[in-house]
Amino acid sequence: MNNERGRRLRSFLIGGLLGSLAGVAAAGRMRVKPRPGRRPSPAGLAAFEQAPCYQELVERESREDASP
């Protein structure tokens, strides 16, 4: 019975060692994606307010307000 326990322990230790080595090898091969940098264009409402169609709308409304 002691011999069986020794074989199980040895098998467990070898399996643990191989599993940890596989994990280290996989972690070494993993590529971390770089974080995206700053946006070239504004986000959210700022993007809408800088759109040409919005600028035309603002100009049209200011002309209509200025006319009698």
Protein backbone atom coordinates (compact mmCIF):
# COMPACT_ATOMS: atom_id res chain seq x y z
CA MET A 1 0.00 0.00 0.00
CA ASN A 2 2.86 2.37 0.71
CA ASN A 3 4.29 1.72 -2.76
CA GLU A 4 0.95 2.65 -4.38
CA ARG A 5 0.83 5.87 -2.37
CA GLY A 6 4.36 6.76 -3.51
CA ARG A 7 3.47 6.21 -7.16
CA ARG A 8 0.39 8.38 -6.84
CA LEU A 9 2.36 11.14 -5.15
CA ARG A 10 5.09 10.97 -7.79
CA SER A 11 2.50 11.05 -10.56
CA PHE A 12 0.79 14.03 -8.94
CA LEU A 13 4.06 15.94 -8.58
CA ILE A 14 5.19 15.21 -12.14
CA GLY A 15 1.77 16.21 -13.49
CA GLY A 16 1.85 19.42 -11.47
CA LEU A 17 5.35 20.22 -12.72
CA LEU A 18 4.42 19.57 -16.35
CA GLY A 19 1.22 21.60 -15.98
CA SER A 20 3.05 24.56 -14.48
CA LEU A 21 5.71 24.42 -17.22
CA ALA A 22 2.97 24.39 -19.86
CA GLY A 23 1.37 27.42 -18.19
CA VAL A 24 4.66 29.31 -18.15
CA ALA A 25 5.28 28.44 -21.80
CA ALA A 26 1.77 29.58 -22.78
CA ALA A 27 2.16 32.82 -20.83
CA GLY A 28 5.43 33.50 -22.62
CA ARG A 29 3.78 33.09 -26.01
CA MET A 30 0.79 35.23 -25.17
CA ARG A 31 0.82 38.62 -26.83
CA VAL A 32 -0.56 41.56 -24.98
CA LYS A 33 -2.39 43.94 -27.28
CA PRO A 34 -1.25 47.52 -26.96
CA ARG A 35 -3.81 49.89 -25.56
CA PRO A 36 -5.36 52.12 -28.16
CA GLY A 37 -3.88 55.59 -28.20
CA ARG A 38 -5.71 58.85 -28.31
CA ARG A 39 -8.57 59.12 -30.77
CA PRO A 40 -7.77 61.01 -33.94
CA SER A 41 -11.29 62.41 -33.88
CA PRO A 42 -13.39 63.62 -30.96
CA ALA A 43 -15.84 61.27 -29.33
CA GLY A 44 -19.45 61.73 -28.35
CA LEU A 45 -21.21 65.05 -28.71
CA ALA A 46 -17.98 66.84 -29.71
CA ALA A 47 -17.81 64.71 -32.85
CA PHE A 48 -21.37 65.64 -33.74
CA GLU A 49 -20.81 69.35 -33.12
CA GLN A 50 -17.80 69.36 -35.44
CA ALA A 51 -19.65 67.64 -38.27
CA PRO A 52 -20.19 69.79 -41.39
CA CYS A 53 -23.93 69.12 -41.42
CA TYR A 54 -24.23 70.44 -37.86
CA GLN A 55 -22.20 73.53 -38.73
CA GLU A 56 -24.51 74.21 -41.68
CA LEU A 57 -27.55 73.83 -39.43
CA VAL A 58 -26.14 76.30 -36.89
CA GLU A 59 -25.34 78.81 -39.65
CA ARG A 60 -28.83 78.43 -41.15
CA GLU A 61 -30.50 78.94 -37.78
CA SER A 62 -28.39 82.02 -37.03
CA ARG A 63 -29.33 83.51 -40.44
CA GLU A 64 -33.02 82.81 -39.80
CA ASP A 65 -32.79 84.44 -36.37
CA ALA A 66 -31.05 87.50 -37.84
CA SER A 67 -33.64 88.02 -40.63
CA PRO A 68 -36.83 89.98 -39.73
